[in-house]
Amino acid sequence: MIPHGPGGIPPDLSHAEIVDFSVESGENRVRLKLKDGSVLEVKMEVTNIFRVGNDPATGLPSYVMQATNIVRLVSCPKELRKQPLRPGASDSRNLPGFS
């Protein structure tokens, strides 16, 4: 049997059960200082948890979690800032993929 998880087959979600949850501890965030001087704050937001059966080797329940990362720019050096494009501006030369 091929194991679930990294390098294995993904679990079958067709019979997965959605499990309600509540956050028991605080708002964990990671603050990252980049080499260019910018500071980012990253928070993981859990959106869904599914029980997908039991691990055949241990008998323990197996879960799949869906989450998204929320990234916020806390600060950046002034030299990295550029003039924002005004809404309705006809000059789109600085936008990649637009011509």
Protein backbone atom coordinates (compact mmCIF):
# COMPACT_ATOMS: atom_id res chain seq x y z
CA MET A 1 0.00 0.00 0.00
CA ILE A 2 1.32 3.47 -0.91
CA PRO A 3 1.29 5.78 2.13
CA HIS A 4 -0.73 8.97 2.26
CA GLY A 5 1.05 12.28 2.66
CA PRO A 6 4.22 13.69 1.10
CA GLY A 7 5.36 11.45 -1.72
CA GLY A 8 2.32 9.19 -1.42
CA ILE A 9 -1.13 9.25 -2.96
CA PRO A 10 -3.48 11.97 -1.76
CA PRO A 11 -6.35 10.86 0.46
CA ASP A 12 -9.78 10.24 -1.09
CA LEU A 13 -11.89 13.24 -0.08
CA SER A 14 -15.12 11.91 -1.62
CA HIS A 15 -16.17 10.37 1.71
CA ALA A 16 -14.41 12.88 3.97
CA GLU A 17 -16.34 14.33 6.89
CA ILE A 18 -16.12 18.06 7.58
CA VAL A 19 -15.10 18.60 11.20
CA ASP A 20 -16.14 21.79 12.99
CA PHE A 21 -13.34 23.49 14.92
CA SER A 22 -12.56 26.46 17.12
CA VAL A 23 -9.25 28.23 17.62
CA GLU A 24 -7.96 27.50 21.14
CA SER A 25 -4.87 29.69 21.14
CA GLY A 26 -3.99 33.18 19.98
CA GLU A 27 -3.34 34.83 16.67
CA ASN A 28 0.02 33.33 15.73
CA ARG A 29 1.90 35.43 13.21
CA VAL A 30 5.37 35.26 11.79
CA ARG A 31 7.25 38.49 11.17
CA LEU A 32 9.92 38.30 8.47
CA LYS A 33 12.65 40.86 7.79
CA LEU A 34 13.74 40.66 4.15
CA LYS A 35 17.26 41.44 2.89
CA ASP A 36 15.88 44.50 1.06
CA GLY A 37 14.77 45.97 4.39
CA SER A 38 11.05 45.21 4.03
CA VAL A 39 9.13 43.60 6.89
CA LEU A 40 6.30 41.14 6.13
CA GLU A 41 3.83 39.61 8.55
CA VAL A 42 2.35 36.19 7.69
CA LYS A 43 -0.61 34.51 9.35
CA MET A 44 -2.08 31.12 8.47
CA GLU A 45 -5.88 31.06 8.41
CA VAL A 46 -7.47 27.58 8.64
CA THR A 47 -10.60 27.38 6.48
CA ASN A 48 -11.66 23.69 6.68
CA ILE A 49 -10.70 20.46 8.39
CA PHE A 50 -11.74 17.05 7.02
CA ARG A 51 -11.53 13.66 8.71
CA VAL A 52 -10.55 11.24 5.95
CA GLY A 53 -10.53 7.92 7.79
CA ASN A 54 -7.93 6.20 9.93
CA ASP A 55 -4.23 5.53 9.43
CA PRO A 56 -3.90 1.81 8.64
CA ALA A 57 -0.62 1.49 10.56
CA THR A 58 -1.68 3.18 13.81
CA GLY A 59 -5.50 3.25 13.71
CA LEU A 60 -5.43 6.97 14.55
CA PRO A 61 -7.82 9.31 12.72
CA SER A 62 -6.37 11.11 9.67
CA TYR A 63 -7.18 14.73 8.89
CA VAL A 64 -6.73 17.04 5.90
CA MET A 65 -6.58 20.75 6.54
CA GLN A 66 -7.30 23.56 4.09
CA ALA A 67 -5.66 26.87 4.90
CA THR A 68 -4.59 30.12 3.33
CA ASN A 69 -1.76 32.49 4.15
CA ILE A 70 -2.51 36.13 4.84
CA VAL A 71 0.51 38.31 4.04
CA ARG A 72 0.77 41.94 5.13
CA LEU A 73 3.52 44.42 4.30
CA VAL A 74 4.41 46.03 7.64
CA SER A 75 7.13 48.36 6.35
CA CYS A 76 9.50 48.88 3.45
CA PRO A 77 12.37 51.26 2.66
CA LYS A 78 11.36 54.47 0.87
CA GLU A 79 13.66 53.69 -2.06
CA LEU A 80 11.55 50.60 -2.92
CA ARG A 81 8.36 52.63 -3.24
CA LYS A 82 7.06 53.77 -6.62
CA GLN A 83 4.38 56.22 -7.62
CA PRO A 84 1.02 54.38 -7.68
CA LEU A 85 -0.90 54.21 -10.94
CA ARG A 86 -3.97 56.38 -10.89
CA PRO A 87 -7.34 54.72 -11.64
CA GLY A 88 -8.22 55.31 -15.28
CA ALA A 89 -4.63 56.13 -16.26
CA SER A 90 -3.96 55.25 -19.88
CA ASP A 91 -0.25 54.45 -19.36
CA SER A 92 0.05 50.71 -18.69
CA ARG A 93 3.68 50.31 -19.86
CA ASN A 94 4.86 49.48 -16.33
CA LEU A 95 2.43 46.58 -15.87
CA PRO A 96 3.83 43.21 -17.00
CA GLY A 97 1.58 41.39 -19.43
CA PHE A 98 -0.29 44.50 -20.52
CA SER A 99 0.40 46.18 -23.82
